[in-house]
Amino acid sequence: MKPAPFDYHLAHSLDEALALLEQYAPDVCVLAGGQSLIADLSSRRRRPGHVVDINRIAGLDAIALEEGGVSIGATASQAEVEDHALVRARCSYLPQVLSHVASAPIKHRGTVAGSLAHADPAAELPALALCVDARLTARNARDGSREIAPTDFFVGRFENTLGPHELLTGVTFPALERDERLAIEETQRRYNGVAVAGAIVRVTVADQAFSTVRAVVFGIAETPVLVDSSACLNTIAADDLRAIESASVAMLSGLTLISDVQASADYRRHAAAVLLARALTRAGAPRVAGR
């Protein structure tokens, strides 16, 4: 299919983009990388009257240090972020997670901020943002900028809290503390496909036991889910595989999971528990000297 007719607007400044969004909201959408939007337009899942292209806005692709972390602009591609020296030095977990995302051609066009705004519950980047408590920044022509916590940003399948006149201008990922570790595990029906289930964990290990655990499962519900990890705190040795497996099952016990053509809810519950246990085990493993 071909997209339904729409008016194309190429913005040359952030103020111009915000003014266009204000003028045409709610019948408008933003084009950054376009890897999800173009498919939605072509299948007519989305039929906006106006599309605002933000790719020519100077500085919106910036990657820079900010308050102990790394800020990533709205048009910075996933490939740029994955290969960026500053990101690898300050937030090495980002390239680790981006290595699981799609294929190289898609990452050279797709943006980090675009993936967050798309809010696919099976995508790795929304789950990562929730796991590390990234700071999302949105702007609009009326009220200026505001920060949004990931816990408030993702509200449904392909739904976020941005208003129709708002633009997600960037995201800041924090650097992990020296004793923190992050791990990701997921399963797909095909290589570089959509995750059927996945887990990302951020942990601190002290005296060979988990002292803090922040765990997110994705691909199994309408949004990425920050699970209750209290069962792992201060009680489970980082090398006690049986205890980790039991705790992982317990963390998922109260969740309502989705069934679709990819997998049943029962399969997702089993797979997510296995993947969560694997991620916790890998994050809790002793570090190799020199790494």
C-alpha atoms as a PDB file:
ATOM      1  CA  MET A   1       0.000   0.000   0.000  1.00  0.00           C
ATOM      2  CA  LYS A   2       0.929   3.642  -0.315  1.00  0.00           C
ATOM      3  CA  PRO A   3       0.515   6.265   2.414  1.00  0.00           C
ATOM      4  CA  ALA A   4      -2.656   8.308   2.497  1.00  0.00           C
ATOM      5  CA  PRO A   5      -2.084  11.898   1.277  1.00  0.00           C
ATOM      6  CA  PHE A   6      -0.423  14.271   3.744  1.00  0.00           C
ATOM      7  CA  ASP A   7       1.356  17.632   3.748  1.00  0.00           C
ATOM      8  CA  TYR A   8       5.114  17.409   4.298  1.00  0.00           C
ATOM      9  CA  HIS A   9       6.878  20.125   6.336  1.00  0.00           C
ATOM     10  CA  LEU A  10      10.688  20.326   6.584  1.00  0.00           C
ATOM     11  CA  ALA A  11      11.607  22.168   9.780  1.00  0.00           C
ATOM     12  CA  HIS A  12      14.947  24.027   9.856  1.00  0.00           C
ATOM     13  CA  SER A  13      14.866  24.994  13.526  1.00  0.00           C
ATOM     14  CA  LEU A  14      13.438  23.626  16.743  1.00  0.00           C
ATOM     15  CA  ASP A  15      11.165  26.655  17.119  1.00  0.00           C
ATOM     16  CA  GLU A  16       9.811  26.102  13.615  1.00  0.00           C
ATOM     17  CA  ALA A  17       9.150  22.418  14.328  1.00  0.00           C
ATOM     18  CA  LEU A  18       7.330  23.222  17.567  1.00  0.00           C
ATOM     19  CA  ALA A  19       5.273  25.914  15.843  1.00  0.00           C
ATOM     20  CA  LEU A  20       4.234  23.418  13.156  1.00  0.00           C
ATOM     21  CA  LEU A  21       3.248  20.864  15.765  1.00  0.00           C
ATOM     22  CA  GLU A  22       1.228  23.510  17.595  1.00  0.00           C
ATOM     23  CA  GLN A  23      -0.466  24.615  14.388  1.00  0.00           C
ATOM     24  CA  TYR A  24      -1.474  21.186  13.112  1.00  0.00           C
ATOM     25  CA  ALA A  25      -2.017  19.169  16.292  1.00  0.00           C
ATOM     26  CA  PRO A  26      -3.509  16.634  16.679  1.00  0.00           C
ATOM     27  CA  ASP A  27      -3.424  15.774  12.958  1.00  0.00           C
ATOM     28  CA  VAL A  28       0.377  15.677  12.782  1.00  0.00           C
ATOM     29  CA  CYS A  29       3.319  13.353  13.417  1.00  0.00           C
ATOM     30  CA  VAL A  30       7.096  13.760  13.584  1.00  0.00           C
ATOM     31  CA  LEU A  31       9.599  12.220  11.168  1.00  0.00           C
ATOM     32  CA  ALA A  32      13.052  11.535  12.624  1.00  0.00           C
ATOM     33  CA  GLY A  33      14.561   8.184  11.618  1.00  0.00           C
ATOM     34  CA  GLY A  34      11.301   7.010  10.123  1.00  0.00           C
ATOM     35  CA  GLN A  35      11.968   3.281  10.531  1.00  0.00           C
ATOM     36  CA  SER A  36       8.636   2.776  12.301  1.00  0.00           C
ATOM     37  CA  LEU A  37       6.715   5.764  10.961  1.00  0.00           C
ATOM     38  CA  ILE A  38       7.211   4.978   7.276  1.00  0.00           C
ATOM     39  CA  ALA A  39       5.905   1.451   7.768  1.00  0.00           C
ATOM     40  CA  ASP A  40       2.885   2.783   9.671  1.00  0.00           C
ATOM     41  CA  LEU A  41       2.179   5.353   6.957  1.00  0.00           C
ATOM     42  CA  SER A  42       2.569   2.819   4.153  1.00  0.00           C
ATOM     43  CA  SER A  43       0.192   0.356   5.813  1.00  0.00           C
ATOM     44  CA  ARG A  44      -2.151   3.247   6.697  1.00  0.00           C
ATOM     45  CA  ARG A  45      -2.121   2.330  10.352  1.00  0.00           C
ATOM     46  CA  ARG A  46      -1.432   6.050  10.742  1.00  0.00           C
ATOM     47  CA  ARG A  47      -3.059   8.629   8.494  1.00  0.00           C
ATOM     48  CA  PRO A  48      -1.910  12.090   9.625  1.00  0.00           C
ATOM     49  CA  GLY A  49      -2.706  15.149   7.591  1.00  0.00           C
ATOM     50  CA  HIS A  50       0.767  16.593   8.249  1.00  0.00           C
ATOM     51  CA  VAL A  51       4.278  15.209   8.757  1.00  0.00           C
ATOM     52  CA  VAL A  52       7.016  17.385  10.282  1.00  0.00           C
ATOM     53  CA  ASP A  53      10.572  16.343   9.346  1.00  0.00           C
ATOM     54  CA  ILE A  54      13.087  17.336  12.044  1.00  0.00           C
ATOM     55  CA  ASN A  55      16.235  15.895  10.423  1.00  0.00           C
ATOM     56  CA  ARG A  56      17.603  19.251   9.229  1.00  0.00           C
ATOM     57  CA  ILE A  57      17.522  20.878  12.678  1.00  0.00           C
ATOM     58  CA  ALA A  58      21.106  21.727  13.650  1.00  0.00           C
ATOM     59  CA  GLY A  59      22.313  20.300  16.949  1.00  0.00           C
ATOM     60  CA  LEU A  60      19.391  17.946  17.466  1.00  0.00           C
ATOM     61  CA  ASP A  61      21.705  14.989  16.823  1.00  0.00           C
ATOM     62  CA  ALA A  62      24.142  15.984  19.576  1.00  0.00           C
ATOM     63  CA  ILE A  63      25.668  13.403  21.932  1.00  0.00           C
ATOM     64  CA  ALA A  64      27.224  15.038  24.988  1.00  0.00           C
ATOM     65  CA  LEU A  65      28.142  14.662  28.657  1.00  0.00           C
ATOM     66  CA  GLU A  66      25.439  15.796  31.058  1.00  0.00           C
ATOM     67  CA  GLU A  67      25.321  15.492  34.861  1.00  0.00           C
ATOM     68  CA  GLY A  68      27.336  12.311  35.060  1.00  0.00           C
ATOM     69  CA  GLY A  69      25.613  10.685  32.122  1.00  0.00           C
ATOM     70  CA  VAL A  70      25.235  11.084  28.384  1.00  0.00           C
ATOM     71  CA  SER A  71      22.553  13.149  26.656  1.00  0.00           C
ATOM     72  CA  ILE A  72      21.341  12.011  23.243  1.00  0.00           C
ATOM     73  CA  GLY A  73      19.470  14.330  20.892  1.00  0.00           C
ATOM     74  CA  ALA A  74      16.266  13.453  19.083  1.00  0.00           C
ATOM     75  CA  THR A  75      17.880  12.775  15.693  1.00  0.00           C
ATOM     76  CA  ALA A  76      20.987  10.893  16.870  1.00  0.00           C
ATOM     77  CA  SER A  77      20.865   7.500  15.187  1.00  0.00           C
ATOM     78  CA  GLN A  78      21.185   4.242  17.055  1.00  0.00           C
ATOM     79  CA  ALA A  79      24.319   3.405  15.055  1.00  0.00           C
ATOM     80  CA  GLU A  80      25.944   6.732  16.000  1.00  0.00           C
ATOM     81  CA  VAL A  81      25.176   6.139  19.666  1.00  0.00           C
ATOM     82  CA  GLU A  82      26.382   2.539  19.556  1.00  0.00           C
ATOM     83  CA  ASP A  83      29.760   3.532  18.090  1.00  0.00           C
ATOM     84  CA  HIS A  84      30.280   6.848  19.914  1.00  0.00           C
ATOM     85  CA  ALA A  85      33.468   6.985  22.017  1.00  0.00           C
ATOM     86  CA  LEU A  86      31.832   9.072  24.755  1.00  0.00           C
ATOM     87  CA  VAL A  87      28.946   6.641  25.086  1.00  0.00           C
ATOM     88  CA  ARG A  88      31.307   3.666  25.264  1.00  0.00           C
ATOM     89  CA  ALA A  89      33.372   5.405  27.946  1.00  0.00           C
ATOM     90  CA  ARG A  90      30.534   6.685  30.146  1.00  0.00           C
ATOM     91  CA  CYS A  91      27.534   4.424  29.424  1.00  0.00           C
ATOM     92  CA  SER A  92      28.996   1.208  28.023  1.00  0.00           C
ATOM     93  CA  TYR A  93      25.701  -0.578  28.688  1.00  0.00           C
ATOM     94  CA  LEU A  94      24.096   1.382  25.818  1.00  0.00           C
ATOM     95  CA  PRO A  95      26.188  -0.262  23.069  1.00  0.00           C
ATOM     96  CA  GLN A  96      25.614  -3.568  24.861  1.00  0.00           C
ATOM     97  CA  VAL A  97      21.839  -3.156  24.578  1.00  0.00           C
ATOM     98  CA  LEU A  98      21.945  -1.611  21.100  1.00  0.00           C
ATOM     99  CA  SER A  99      23.752  -4.710  19.840  1.00  0.00           C
ATOM    100  CA  HIS A 100      20.404  -6.507  20.334  1.00  0.00           C
ATOM    101  CA  VAL A 101      18.436  -3.928  18.320  1.00  0.00           C
ATOM    102  CA  ALA A 102      17.384  -4.710  14.734  1.00  0.00           C
ATOM    103  CA  SER A 103      19.953  -4.739  11.923  1.00  0.00           C
ATOM    104  CA  ALA A 104      22.704  -2.317  10.911  1.00  0.00           C
ATOM    105  CA  PRO A 105      20.715  -0.621   8.094  1.00  0.00           C
ATOM    106  CA  ILE A 106      17.823   0.049  10.459  1.00  0.00           C
ATOM    107  CA  LYS A 107      20.142   1.388  13.175  1.00  0.00           C
ATOM    108  CA  HIS A 108      21.759   3.797  10.715  1.00  0.00           C
ATOM    109  CA  ARG A 109      18.368   5.496  10.238  1.00  0.00           C
ATOM    110  CA  GLY A 110      16.458   4.695  13.409  1.00  0.00           C
ATOM    111  CA  THR A 111      16.974   7.027  16.352  1.00  0.00           C
ATOM    112  CA  VAL A 112      17.209   6.339  20.072  1.00  0.00           C
ATOM    113  CA  ALA A 113      14.612   8.989  20.905  1.00  0.00           C
ATOM    114  CA  GLY A 114      12.370   7.732  18.112  1.00  0.00           C
ATOM    115  CA  SER A 115      12.377   4.228  19.557  1.00  0.00           C
ATOM    116  CA  LEU A 116      11.383   5.625  22.944  1.00  0.00           C
ATOM    117  CA  ALA A 117       8.580   7.729  21.449  1.00  0.00           C
ATOM    118  CA  HIS A 118       7.335   4.753  19.416  1.00  0.00           C
ATOM    119  CA  ALA A 119       6.862   2.919  22.743  1.00  0.00           C
ATOM    120  CA  ASP A 120       6.938  -0.596  21.345  1.00  0.00           C
ATOM    121  CA  PRO A 121       6.553  -2.873  24.406  1.00  0.00           C
ATOM    122  CA  ALA A 122       8.861  -5.424  22.737  1.00  0.00           C
ATOM    123  CA  ALA A 123      11.668  -2.919  22.054  1.00  0.00           C
ATOM    124  CA  GLU A 124      14.891  -2.910  24.045  1.00  0.00           C
ATOM    125  CA  LEU A 125      15.419   0.850  24.419  1.00  0.00           C
ATOM    126  CA  PRO A 126      12.152   1.645  26.265  1.00  0.00           C
ATOM    127  CA  ALA A 127      12.923  -1.223  28.662  1.00  0.00           C
ATOM    128  CA  LEU A 128      16.464   0.082  29.153  1.00  0.00           C
ATOM    129  CA  ALA A 129      15.247   3.625  29.831  1.00  0.00           C
ATOM    130  CA  LEU A 130      12.919   2.245  32.496  1.00  0.00           C
ATOM    131  CA  CYS A 131      15.640   0.055  34.005  1.00  0.00           C
ATOM    132  CA  VAL A 132      18.242   2.825  34.396  1.00  0.00           C
ATOM    133  CA  ASP A 133      15.673   5.584  35.062  1.00  0.00           C
ATOM    134  CA  ALA A 134      16.735   7.734  32.107  1.00  0.00           C
ATOM    135  CA  ARG A 135      15.529  11.337  31.876  1.00  0.00           C
ATOM    136  CA  LEU A 136      13.364  12.153  28.860  1.00  0.00           C
ATOM    137  CA  THR A 137      13.020  15.788  27.775  1.00  0.00           C
ATOM    138  CA  ALA A 138      10.031  17.072  25.813  1.00  0.00           C
ATOM    139  CA  ARG A 139       9.298  20.565  24.499  1.00  0.00           C
ATOM    140  CA  ASN A 140       6.314  22.407  23.118  1.00  0.00           C
ATOM    141  CA  ALA A 141       5.648  25.919  21.877  1.00  0.00           C
ATOM    142  CA  ARG A 142       3.300  26.770  24.755  1.00  0.00           C
ATOM    143  CA  ASP A 143       5.104  25.724  27.914  1.00  0.00           C
ATOM    144  CA  GLY A 144       8.739  25.171  26.992  1.00  0.00           C
ATOM    145  CA  SER A 145      10.483  22.003  28.133  1.00  0.00           C
ATOM    146  CA  ARG A 146       9.666  19.397  30.737  1.00  0.00           C
ATOM    147  CA  GLU A 147      11.315  16.226  31.987  1.00  0.00           C
ATOM    148  CA  ILE A 148       9.396  12.958  32.034  1.00  0.00           C
ATOM    149  CA  ALA A 149      10.302   9.884  34.042  1.00  0.00           C
ATOM    150  CA  PRO A 150      10.154   6.586  32.132  1.00  0.00           C
ATOM    151  CA  THR A 151       7.693   5.278  34.727  1.00  0.00           C
ATOM    152  CA  ASP A 152       5.274   7.997  33.554  1.00  0.00           C
ATOM    153  CA  PHE A 153       6.171   8.014  29.850  1.00  0.00           C
ATOM    154  CA  PHE A 154       5.071   4.556  28.666  1.00  0.00           C
ATOM    155  CA  VAL A 155       1.312   4.184  29.141  1.00  0.00           C
ATOM    156  CA  GLY A 156       0.255   1.505  26.621  1.00  0.00           C
ATOM    157  CA  ARG A 157       1.178  -0.424  23.506  1.00  0.00           C
ATOM    158  CA  PHE A 158       2.699   2.209  21.176  1.00  0.00           C
ATOM    159  CA  GLU A 159       1.402   4.906  23.523  1.00  0.00           C
ATOM    160  CA  ASN A 160       3.274   7.569  25.479  1.00  0.00           C
ATOM    161  CA  THR A 161       2.370  10.676  27.436  1.00  0.00           C
ATOM    162  CA  LEU A 162       3.554  13.195  24.823  1.00  0.00           C
ATOM    163  CA  GLY A 163       0.888  15.644  23.760  1.00  0.00           C
ATOM    164  CA  PRO A 164       0.171  15.984  20.014  1.00  0.00           C
ATOM    165  CA  HIS A 165       2.004  19.337  20.018  1.00  0.00           C
ATOM    166  CA  GLU A 166       5.067  18.032  21.926  1.00  0.00           C
ATOM    167  CA  LEU A 167       8.426  16.840  20.659  1.00  0.00           C
ATOM    168  CA  LEU A 168      10.753  14.460  22.482  1.00  0.00           C
ATOM    169  CA  THR A 169      13.957  16.471  22.061  1.00  0.00           C
ATOM    170  CA  GLY A 170      16.332  14.092  23.812  1.00  0.00           C
ATOM    171  CA  VAL A 171      17.114  11.624  26.550  1.00  0.00           C
ATOM    172  CA  THR A 172      19.841  11.430  29.175  1.00  0.00           C
ATOM    173  CA  PHE A 173      21.141   8.030  30.225  1.00  0.00           C
ATOM    174  CA  PRO A 174      22.997   7.951  33.571  1.00  0.00           C
ATOM    175  CA  ALA A 175      26.430   6.438  34.045  1.00  0.00           C
ATOM    176  CA  LEU A 176      26.362   3.391  36.278  1.00  0.00           C
ATOM    177  CA  GLU A 177      28.106   3.512  39.631  1.00  0.00           C
ATOM    178  CA  ARG A 178      31.432   1.721  39.826  1.00  0.00           C
ATOM    179  CA  ASP A 179      29.936  -1.317  41.575  1.00  0.00           C
ATOM    180  CA  GLU A 180      26.793  -1.530  39.422  1.00  0.00           C
ATOM    181  CA  ARG A 181      26.280  -4.022  36.590  1.00  0.00           C
ATOM    182  CA  LEU A 182      23.718  -4.344  33.823  1.00  0.00           C
ATOM    183  CA  ALA A 183      22.690  -7.369  31.768  1.00  0.00           C
ATOM    184  CA  ILE A 184      20.101  -8.054  29.067  1.00  0.00           C
ATOM    185  CA  GLU A 185      18.609 -11.316  27.857  1.00  0.00           C
ATOM    186  CA  GLU A 186      15.872 -11.843  25.262  1.00  0.00           C
ATOM    187  CA  THR A 187      14.387 -14.407  22.910  1.00  0.00           C
ATOM    188  CA  GLN A 188      13.128 -13.858  19.362  1.00  0.00           C
ATOM    189  CA  ARG A 189      11.488 -16.019  16.741  1.00  0.00           C
ATOM    190  CA  ARG A 190      14.125 -14.961  14.223  1.00  0.00           C
ATOM    191  CA  TYR A 191      17.489 -13.179  14.330  1.00  0.00           C
ATOM    192  CA  ASN A 192      17.060  -9.408  14.780  1.00  0.00           C
ATOM    193  CA  GLY A 193      13.317  -9.925  15.057  1.00  0.00           C
ATOM    194  CA  VAL A 194      10.799  -8.656  17.578  1.00  0.00           C
ATOM    195  CA  ALA A 195      11.443  -9.832  21.130  1.00  0.00           C
ATOM    196  CA  VAL A 196       8.887 -12.369  22.310  1.00  0.00           C
ATOM    197  CA  ALA A 197      10.181 -11.857  25.840  1.00  0.00           C
ATOM    198  CA  GLY A 198      13.154 -10.139  27.417  1.00  0.00           C
ATOM    199  CA  ALA A 199      14.673  -8.896  30.651  1.00  0.00           C
ATOM    200  CA  ILE A 200      17.100  -6.127  31.603  1.00  0.00           C
ATOM    201  CA  VAL A 201      18.559  -5.903  35.105  1.00  0.00           C
ATOM    202  CA  ARG A 202      20.690  -3.337  36.909  1.00  0.00           C
ATOM    203  CA  VAL A 203      22.243  -4.759  40.063  1.00  0.00           C
ATOM    204  CA  THR A 204      24.719  -4.096  42.817  1.00  0.00           C
ATOM    205  CA  VAL A 205      26.468  -7.047  44.434  1.00  0.00           C
ATOM    206  CA  ALA A 206      28.015  -6.781  47.892  1.00  0.00           C
ATOM    207  CA  ASP A 207      29.489  -9.625  49.950  1.00  0.00           C
ATOM    208  CA  GLN A 208      28.541 -12.034  47.158  1.00  0.00           C
ATOM    209  CA  ALA A 209      24.823 -11.189  47.484  1.00  0.00           C
ATOM    210  CA  PHE A 210      22.486  -8.850  45.625  1.00  0.00           C
ATOM    211  CA  SER A 211      22.181  -5.590  47.537  1.00  0.00           C
ATOM    212  CA  THR A 212      20.128  -3.698  44.929  1.00  0.00           C
ATOM    213  CA  VAL A 213      18.169  -5.017  41.966  1.00  0.00           C
ATOM    214  CA  ARG A 214      16.171  -3.040  39.408  1.00  0.00           C
ATOM    215  CA  ALA A 215      14.632  -5.394  36.859  1.00  0.00           C
ATOM    216  CA  VAL A 216      12.483  -4.751  33.790  1.00  0.00           C
ATOM    217  CA  VAL A 217      10.765  -7.340  31.596  1.00  0.00           C
ATOM    218  CA  PHE A 218       9.628  -6.488  28.082  1.00  0.00           C
ATOM    219  CA  GLY A 219       7.778  -7.998  25.149  1.00  0.00           C
ATOM    220  CA  ILE A 220       5.293  -9.687  27.487  1.00  0.00           C
ATOM    221  CA  ALA A 221       2.794  -6.941  28.388  1.00  0.00           C
ATOM    222  CA  GLU A 222       1.320  -3.714  27.007  1.00  0.00           C
ATOM    223  CA  THR A 223       4.369  -1.764  28.233  1.00  0.00           C
ATOM    224  CA  PRO A 224       7.808  -2.654  29.593  1.00  0.00           C
ATOM    225  CA  VAL A 225       7.285  -3.617  33.227  1.00  0.00           C
ATOM    226  CA  LEU A 226       9.397  -2.659  36.229  1.00  0.00           C
ATOM    227  CA  VAL A 227       8.956  -5.728  38.423  1.00  0.00           C
ATOM    228  CA  ASP A 228       9.005  -5.963  42.211  1.00  0.00           C
ATOM    229  CA  SER A 229      12.516  -7.195  42.944  1.00  0.00           C
ATOM    230  CA  SER A 230      12.272  -7.188  46.741  1.00  0.00           C
ATOM    231  CA  ALA A 231      12.569 -10.984  46.734  1.00  0.00           C
ATOM    232  CA  CYS A 232      16.165 -10.598  45.568  1.00  0.00           C
ATOM    233  CA  LEU A 233      17.306  -7.927  47.998  1.00  0.00           C
ATOM    234  CA  ASN A 234      19.831  -8.898  50.670  1.00  0.00           C
ATOM    235  CA  THR A 235      18.616 -12.482  50.793  1.00  0.00           C
ATOM    236  CA  ILE A 236      19.933 -14.275  47.720  1.00  0.00           C
ATOM    237  CA  ALA A 237      23.531 -15.076  46.944  1.00  0.00           C
ATOM    238  CA  ALA A 238      24.577 -13.926  43.499  1.00  0.00           C
ATOM    239  CA  ASP A 239      25.697 -17.456  42.631  1.00  0.00           C
ATOM    240  CA  ASP A 240      22.628 -19.290  44.001  1.00  0.00           C
ATOM    241  CA  LEU A 241      21.011 -20.268  40.710  1.00  0.00           C
ATOM    242  CA  ARG A 242      18.056 -22.123  42.235  1.00  0.00           C
ATOM    243  CA  ALA A 243      17.160 -19.194  44.474  1.00  0.00           C
ATOM    244  CA  ILE A 244      17.493 -16.771  41.559  1.00  0.00           C
ATOM    245  CA  GLU A 245      15.205 -18.918  39.410  1.00  0.00           C
ATOM    246  CA  SER A 246      12.578 -19.114  42.165  1.00  0.00           C
ATOM    247  CA  ALA A 247      12.746 -15.372  42.764  1.00  0.00           C
ATOM    248  CA  SER A 248      12.374 -14.690  39.030  1.00  0.00           C
ATOM    249  CA  VAL A 249       9.195 -16.767  38.873  1.00  0.00           C
ATOM    250  CA  ALA A 250       7.842 -14.984  41.954  1.00  0.00           C
ATOM    251  CA  MET A 251       8.540 -11.534  40.460  1.00  0.00           C
ATOM    252  CA  LEU A 252       6.298 -12.300  37.492  1.00  0.00           C
ATOM    253  CA  SER A 253       3.483 -14.020  39.369  1.00  0.00           C
ATOM    254  CA  GLY A 254       1.134 -11.039  39.573  1.00  0.00           C
ATOM    255  CA  LEU A 255       1.549  -9.703  36.032  1.00  0.00           C
ATOM    256  CA  THR A 256      -1.114  -9.768  33.330  1.00  0.00           C
ATOM    257  CA  LEU A 257       0.620 -10.908  30.145  1.00  0.00           C
ATOM    258  CA  ILE A 258      -0.415 -10.722  26.488  1.00  0.00           C
ATOM    259  CA  SER A 259      -1.136 -13.492  24.000  1.00  0.00           C
ATOM    260  CA  ASP A 260      -0.781 -12.933  20.265  1.00  0.00           C
ATOM    261  CA  VAL A 261       0.416 -14.647  17.088  1.00  0.00           C
ATOM    262  CA  GLN A 262       3.986 -14.564  18.399  1.00  0.00           C
ATOM    263  CA  ALA A 263       3.400 -16.460  21.648  1.00  0.00           C
ATOM    264  CA  SER A 264       0.877 -17.261  24.353  1.00  0.00           C
ATOM    265  CA  ALA A 265       0.799 -15.573  27.745  1.00  0.00           C
ATOM    266  CA  ASP A 266       1.855 -18.844  29.402  1.00  0.00           C
ATOM    267  CA  TYR A 267       4.881 -19.157  27.154  1.00  0.00           C
ATOM    268  CA  ARG A 268       5.835 -15.515  27.778  1.00  0.00           C
ATOM    269  CA  ARG A 269       5.589 -16.012  31.556  1.00  0.00           C
ATOM    270  CA  HIS A 270       7.883 -19.039  31.397  1.00  0.00           C
ATOM    271  CA  ALA A 271      10.336 -17.419  28.965  1.00  0.00           C
ATOM    272  CA  ALA A 272      10.497 -14.130  30.880  1.00  0.00           C
ATOM    273  CA  ALA A 273      11.250 -15.960  34.147  1.00  0.00           C
ATOM    274  CA  VAL A 274      14.065 -17.927  32.485  1.00  0.00           C
ATOM    275  CA  LEU A 275      15.505 -14.811  30.857  1.00  0.00           C
ATOM    276  CA  LEU A 276      15.245 -12.792  34.054  1.00  0.00           C
ATOM    277  CA  ALA A 277      17.124 -15.501  35.935  1.00  0.00           C
ATOM    278  CA  ARG A 278      19.798 -15.582  33.238  1.00  0.00           C
ATOM    279  CA  ALA A 279      20.213 -11.802  33.322  1.00  0.00           C
ATOM    280  CA  LEU A 280      20.491 -11.778  37.119  1.00  0.00           C
ATOM    281  CA  THR A 281      22.991 -14.627  37.046  1.00  0.00           C
ATOM    282  CA  ARG A 282      25.148 -12.922  34.421  1.00  0.00           C
ATOM    283  CA  ALA A 283      25.001  -9.531  36.139  1.00  0.00           C
ATOM    284  CA  GLY A 284      25.852 -11.133  39.477  1.00  0.00           C
ATOM    285  CA  ALA A 285      28.791 -13.154  38.208  1.00  0.00           C
ATOM    286  CA  PRO A 286      32.271 -12.152  39.464  1.00  0.00           C
ATOM    287  CA  ARG A 287      34.011  -9.694  37.203  1.00  0.00           C
ATOM    288  CA  VAL A 288      37.042 -10.808  35.249  1.00  0.00           C
ATOM    289  CA  ALA A 289      40.177  -8.983  36.310  1.00  0.00           C
ATOM    290  CA  GLY A 290      40.969  -6.038  34.060  1.00  0.00           C
ATOM    291  CA  ARG A 291      37.396  -5.568  32.829  1.00  0.00           C
END
